[in-house]
């Protein structure tokens, strides 16, 4: 009986609940939030009600303000993510499959990774100017490290037996990389992509708050300075939805590219 109870406790975390539980919890949270704001316990200057935030968001969408800011942010984050992920993937594969590149590149990556990337933005502005290039570069730099390190880890953890089988069939280096190493490392690589997506959003907002006239980060900072809290919160909601879209896109790509994992 005791063994059964222990087993039941150990497997309880694996239990799955229907989607309506999450929806009900979210609705309950919003209702409590609305009630607190309408009761006057907290000033709407500091915490506007969800209904006021939604109304402001609708007005900002109708005026085209959200579209302009979102397009500017999407342009920066798309270019920065693709650039950083491409270079990071190449660096991870190279350091993971070449002993010389591992000896030279891995210490450099590990030494530079802890440096706060946003602290380098003033330097990039000095080098590249205050335009789009400095913001795209800082996003690409933030994306590079998690992708490179996860790719390296994924390559290093490929089953050696699989590589020996490929070598025994006289497979070339490129064929071994394409058919054995990369497919085995892809789940870890996609974990790096997901980490990089979150980092890219953080750097995007920070860069736009420091050196941009348009973008979601600039919009949030603008309404924060004016103390228009409901529009500030509307910008935060757009940012959270953007992050959710990135997550769903990467999830779909992972299922499409790695069908054997699911």
Protein backbone atom coordinates (compact mmCIF):
# COMPACT_ATOMS: atom_id res chain seq x y z
CA UNK A 1 0.00 0.00 0.00
CA UNK A 2 2.85 2.38 0.92
CA UNK A 3 4.69 1.57 -2.32
CA UNK A 4 1.54 2.35 -4.32
CA UNK A 5 1.16 5.74 -2.60
CA UNK A 6 4.79 6.64 -3.32
CA UNK A 7 4.40 5.63 -6.96
CA UNK A 8 1.16 7.60 -7.21
CA UNK A 9 2.87 10.75 -5.84
CA UNK A 10 5.84 10.33 -8.17
CA UNK A 11 3.61 10.14 -11.26
CA UNK A 12 1.07 12.80 -10.23
CA UNK A 13 3.01 15.55 -12.02
CA UNK A 14 2.47 13.69 -15.31
CA UNK A 15 -1.30 14.08 -15.08
CA UNK A 16 -2.81 16.19 -17.87
CA UNK A 17 -5.71 18.58 -17.35
CA UNK A 18 -8.09 19.81 -20.08
CA UNK A 19 -7.55 23.18 -21.77
CA UNK A 20 -10.61 24.70 -20.08
CA UNK A 21 -8.77 24.64 -16.73
CA UNK A 22 -6.19 27.13 -18.05
CA UNK A 23 -8.92 29.26 -19.64
CA UNK A 24 -10.97 29.30 -16.45
CA UNK A 25 -7.93 30.28 -14.37
CA UNK A 26 -7.14 33.16 -16.76
CA UNK A 27 -10.75 34.41 -16.74
CA UNK A 28 -10.86 34.24 -12.93
CA UNK A 29 -7.60 36.20 -12.71
CA UNK A 30 -8.94 38.93 -15.03
CA UNK A 31 -12.22 39.17 -13.09
CA UNK A 32 -10.36 39.60 -9.79
CA UNK A 33 -8.10 42.21 -11.40
CA UNK A 34 -11.14 44.10 -12.78
CA UNK A 35 -12.88 43.97 -9.43
CA UNK A 36 -9.89 45.32 -7.51
CA UNK A 37 -9.46 48.22 -9.96
CA UNK A 38 -13.18 49.12 -9.96
CA UNK A 39 -13.31 49.05 -6.16
CA UNK A 40 -10.81 51.91 -5.99
CA UNK A 41 -8.36 49.99 -3.79
CA UNK A 42 -5.59 50.69 -6.32
CA UNK A 43 -5.41 53.87 -8.37
CA UNK A 44 -5.95 53.35 -12.11
CA UNK A 45 -2.83 55.46 -12.64
CA UNK A 46 -0.76 52.58 -11.28
CA UNK A 47 -2.90 49.63 -12.38
CA UNK A 48 -5.65 50.19 -14.97
CA UNK A 49 -8.50 47.70 -15.28
CA UNK A 50 -8.31 45.06 -18.04
CA UNK A 51 -11.36 46.58 -19.72
CA UNK A 52 -9.61 49.99 -20.02
CA UNK A 53 -6.45 48.32 -21.35
CA UNK A 54 -8.47 46.42 -23.95
CA UNK A 55 -10.27 49.60 -25.02
CA UNK A 56 -6.95 51.44 -25.38
CA UNK A 57 -5.51 48.54 -27.37
CA UNK A 58 -8.49 48.60 -29.76
CA UNK A 59 -8.13 52.37 -30.22
CA UNK A 60 -4.38 52.02 -30.90
CA UNK A 61 -5.05 49.28 -33.45
CA UNK A 62 -7.69 51.37 -35.22
CA UNK A 63 -5.37 54.39 -35.38
CA UNK A 64 -2.57 52.29 -36.90
CA UNK A 65 -0.19 53.00 -34.01
CA UNK A 66 0.21 49.32 -33.11
CA UNK A 67 0.78 48.31 -36.74
CA UNK A 68 3.57 50.88 -37.24
CA UNK A 69 5.31 49.90 -34.00
CA UNK A 70 4.89 46.18 -34.63
CA UNK A 71 6.25 46.34 -38.18
CA UNK A 72 9.35 48.22 -37.00
CA UNK A 73 9.95 45.68 -34.23
CA UNK A 74 9.32 42.66 -36.47
CA UNK A 75 11.81 43.95 -39.02
CA UNK A 76 14.54 44.28 -36.40
CA UNK A 77 13.89 41.03 -34.58
CA UNK A 78 13.49 38.95 -37.76
CA UNK A 79 16.80 40.13 -39.23
CA UNK A 80 18.60 39.91 -35.88
CA UNK A 81 17.28 36.43 -35.11
CA UNK A 82 18.03 34.96 -38.55
CA UNK A 83 21.52 36.47 -38.59
CA UNK A 84 22.41 35.44 -35.04
CA UNK A 85 20.90 31.96 -35.34
CA UNK A 86 22.67 31.27 -38.65
CA UNK A 87 26.09 32.28 -37.34
CA UNK A 88 25.47 30.51 -34.01
CA UNK A 89 24.43 27.29 -35.76
CA UNK A 90 27.52 27.37 -37.96
CA UNK A 91 29.79 28.11 -34.99
CA UNK A 92 28.25 25.33 -32.88
CA UNK A 93 28.59 22.76 -35.66
CA UNK A 94 32.18 23.80 -36.35
CA UNK A 95 33.34 23.76 -32.72
CA UNK A 96 31.44 20.53 -32.11
CA UNK A 97 32.98 18.62 -35.02
CA UNK A 98 36.51 20.12 -35.20
CA UNK A 99 38.99 19.65 -32.35
CA UNK A 100 41.01 22.70 -33.44
CA UNK A 101 37.91 24.94 -33.69
CA UNK A 102 36.77 23.59 -30.31
CA UNK A 103 40.10 24.50 -28.70
CA UNK A 104 40.09 28.02 -30.20
CA UNK A 105 36.41 28.97 -30.32
CA UNK A 106 34.79 27.41 -27.25
CA UNK A 107 36.86 29.36 -24.64
CA UNK A 108 36.05 32.61 -26.47
CA UNK A 109 32.31 31.86 -26.54
CA UNK A 110 32.28 30.85 -22.87
CA UNK A 111 34.24 33.97 -21.88
CA UNK A 112 32.01 36.39 -23.81
CA UNK A 113 28.66 34.75 -22.99
CA UNK A 114 28.29 36.21 -19.43
CA UNK A 115 28.78 39.79 -20.69
CA UNK A 116 25.38 41.62 -20.58
CA UNK A 117 24.65 42.22 -24.26
CA UNK A 118 22.63 45.40 -23.74
CA UNK A 119 25.70 46.94 -22.06
CA UNK A 120 27.41 46.77 -25.46
CA UNK A 121 24.68 48.77 -27.23
CA UNK A 122 26.37 52.18 -26.64
CA UNK A 123 29.53 50.74 -28.18
CA UNK A 124 27.61 49.41 -31.19
CA UNK A 125 25.92 52.81 -31.60
CA UNK A 126 29.39 54.40 -31.59
CA UNK A 127 30.64 51.92 -34.20
CA UNK A 128 27.53 51.46 -36.36
CA UNK A 129 25.49 54.59 -35.74
CA UNK A 130 22.07 55.08 -34.15
CA UNK A 131 20.20 53.51 -37.08
CA UNK A 132 18.85 50.01 -37.57
CA UNK A 133 22.23 48.27 -37.89
CA UNK A 134 23.22 48.74 -34.25
CA UNK A 135 19.88 47.39 -32.98
CA UNK A 136 19.90 44.41 -35.35
CA UNK A 137 23.49 43.62 -34.36
CA UNK A 138 22.76 43.61 -30.62
CA UNK A 139 19.80 41.26 -31.18
CA UNK A 140 21.94 38.99 -33.38
CA UNK A 141 24.65 38.90 -30.71
CA UNK A 142 22.14 37.90 -28.04
CA UNK A 143 20.74 35.14 -30.26
CA UNK A 144 24.18 33.84 -31.26
CA UNK A 145 25.29 32.56 -27.85
CA UNK A 146 22.38 30.25 -26.84
CA UNK A 147 22.20 28.81 -30.37
CA UNK A 148 25.96 28.25 -30.59
CA UNK A 149 26.22 26.69 -27.13
CA UNK A 150 23.18 24.44 -27.54
CA UNK A 151 24.32 23.33 -31.00
CA UNK A 152 27.75 22.50 -29.58
CA UNK A 153 26.17 20.54 -26.72
CA UNK A 154 23.85 18.67 -29.10
CA UNK A 155 26.73 17.69 -31.41
CA UNK A 156 28.94 16.54 -28.55
CA UNK A 157 26.17 14.33 -27.17
CA UNK A 158 25.52 12.42 -30.40
CA UNK A 159 25.81 8.67 -29.81
CA UNK A 160 29.40 7.71 -30.86
CA UNK A 161 28.08 4.37 -32.10
CA UNK A 162 26.05 6.12 -34.80
CA UNK A 163 29.15 7.95 -36.02
CA UNK A 164 31.15 4.70 -36.04
CA UNK A 165 28.46 3.07 -38.18
CA UNK A 166 28.61 5.96 -40.65
CA UNK A 167 32.41 5.76 -40.79
CA UNK A 168 32.29 1.99 -41.31
CA UNK A 169 30.19 2.61 -44.43
CA UNK A 170 32.82 5.12 -45.68
CA UNK A 171 30.44 8.07 -45.35
CA UNK A 172 32.05 11.43 -46.01
CA UNK A 173 32.34 14.13 -43.33
CA UNK A 174 29.51 16.11 -44.92
CA UNK A 175 27.24 13.07 -45.26
CA UNK A 176 27.91 12.05 -41.64
CA UNK A 177 27.13 15.58 -40.48
CA UNK A 178 23.94 15.81 -42.55
CA UNK A 179 22.59 12.29 -41.94
CA UNK A 180 23.78 11.46 -38.41
CA UNK A 181 25.08 14.41 -36.38
CA UNK A 182 22.55 17.11 -37.31
CA UNK A 183 19.37 14.97 -36.93
CA UNK A 184 20.56 13.74 -33.53
CA UNK A 185 21.41 17.26 -32.35
CA UNK A 186 18.26 18.98 -33.65
CA UNK A 187 16.16 18.67 -30.43
CA UNK A 188 18.90 20.43 -28.43
CA UNK A 189 19.38 22.99 -31.22
CA UNK A 190 15.68 23.88 -31.11
CA UNK A 191 15.93 24.29 -27.34
CA UNK A 192 18.61 26.87 -28.10
CA UNK A 193 16.29 28.57 -30.61
CA UNK A 194 13.58 28.88 -27.94
CA UNK A 195 16.04 30.40 -25.46
CA UNK A 196 17.28 32.75 -28.18
CA UNK A 197 13.71 33.87 -28.99
CA UNK A 198 13.19 35.08 -25.42
CA UNK A 199 16.58 36.79 -25.38
CA UNK A 200 15.87 38.51 -28.69
CA UNK A 201 12.63 40.02 -27.32
CA UNK A 202 14.39 41.35 -24.24
CA UNK A 203 17.15 42.93 -26.30
CA UNK A 204 14.66 44.30 -28.84
CA UNK A 205 12.70 46.20 -26.19
CA UNK A 206 15.84 47.44 -24.44
CA UNK A 207 17.39 48.63 -27.71
CA UNK A 208 14.19 50.37 -28.80
CA UNK A 209 13.86 52.12 -25.45
CA UNK A 210 17.41 53.45 -25.74
CA UNK A 211 17.77 54.30 -29.43
CA UNK A 212 14.54 54.16 -31.46
CA UNK A 213 11.64 56.41 -32.44
CA UNK A 214 9.33 53.54 -33.45
CA UNK A 215 8.82 50.03 -32.17
CA UNK A 216 7.03 48.31 -29.28
CA UNK A 217 9.80 49.21 -26.83
CA UNK A 218 9.75 52.87 -27.87
CA UNK A 219 5.93 52.89 -27.60
CA UNK A 220 6.02 51.48 -24.06
CA UNK A 221 8.66 54.00 -22.99
CA UNK A 222 6.74 56.89 -24.58
CA UNK A 223 3.50 56.18 -22.72
CA UNK A 224 5.43 55.44 -19.54
CA UNK A 225 6.95 58.93 -19.69
CA UNK A 226 3.45 60.39 -20.25
CA UNK A 227 2.05 58.22 -17.39
CA UNK A 228 -0.70 56.85 -19.67
CA UNK A 229 -0.66 53.45 -18.00
CA UNK A 230 -3.43 51.75 -19.99
CA UNK A 231 -1.60 52.38 -23.29
CA UNK A 232 1.67 51.27 -21.71
CA UNK A 233 -0.02 48.01 -20.64
CA UNK A 234 -1.50 47.64 -24.13
CA UNK A 235 2.06 47.72 -25.51
CA UNK A 236 3.11 45.07 -22.97
CA UNK A 237 0.22 42.85 -24.12
CA UNK A 238 1.30 43.21 -27.76
CA UNK A 239 4.83 42.25 -26.72
CA UNK A 240 3.59 39.17 -24.84
CA UNK A 241 1.48 38.12 -27.85
CA UNK A 242 4.54 38.55 -30.07
CA UNK A 243 6.48 36.23 -27.76
CA UNK A 244 3.63 33.70 -27.85
CA UNK A 245 3.61 33.79 -31.66
CA UNK A 246 7.37 33.11 -31.72
CA UNK A 247 6.87 30.16 -29.37
CA UNK A 248 4.09 28.68 -31.52
CA UNK A 249 6.10 29.21 -34.71
CA UNK A 250 9.16 27.45 -33.29
CA UNK A 251 6.94 24.68 -31.93
CA UNK A 252 5.41 24.17 -35.39
CA UNK A 253 8.83 24.20 -37.07
CA UNK A 254 10.13 21.66 -34.55
CA UNK A 255 7.23 19.30 -35.25
CA UNK A 256 7.72 19.75 -38.99
CA UNK A 257 11.51 19.33 -39.03
CA UNK A 258 11.79 16.73 -36.23
CA UNK A 259 8.68 14.54 -36.73
CA UNK A 260 10.35 11.54 -35.05
CA UNK A 261 10.56 13.41 -31.73
CA UNK A 262 6.77 13.76 -31.37
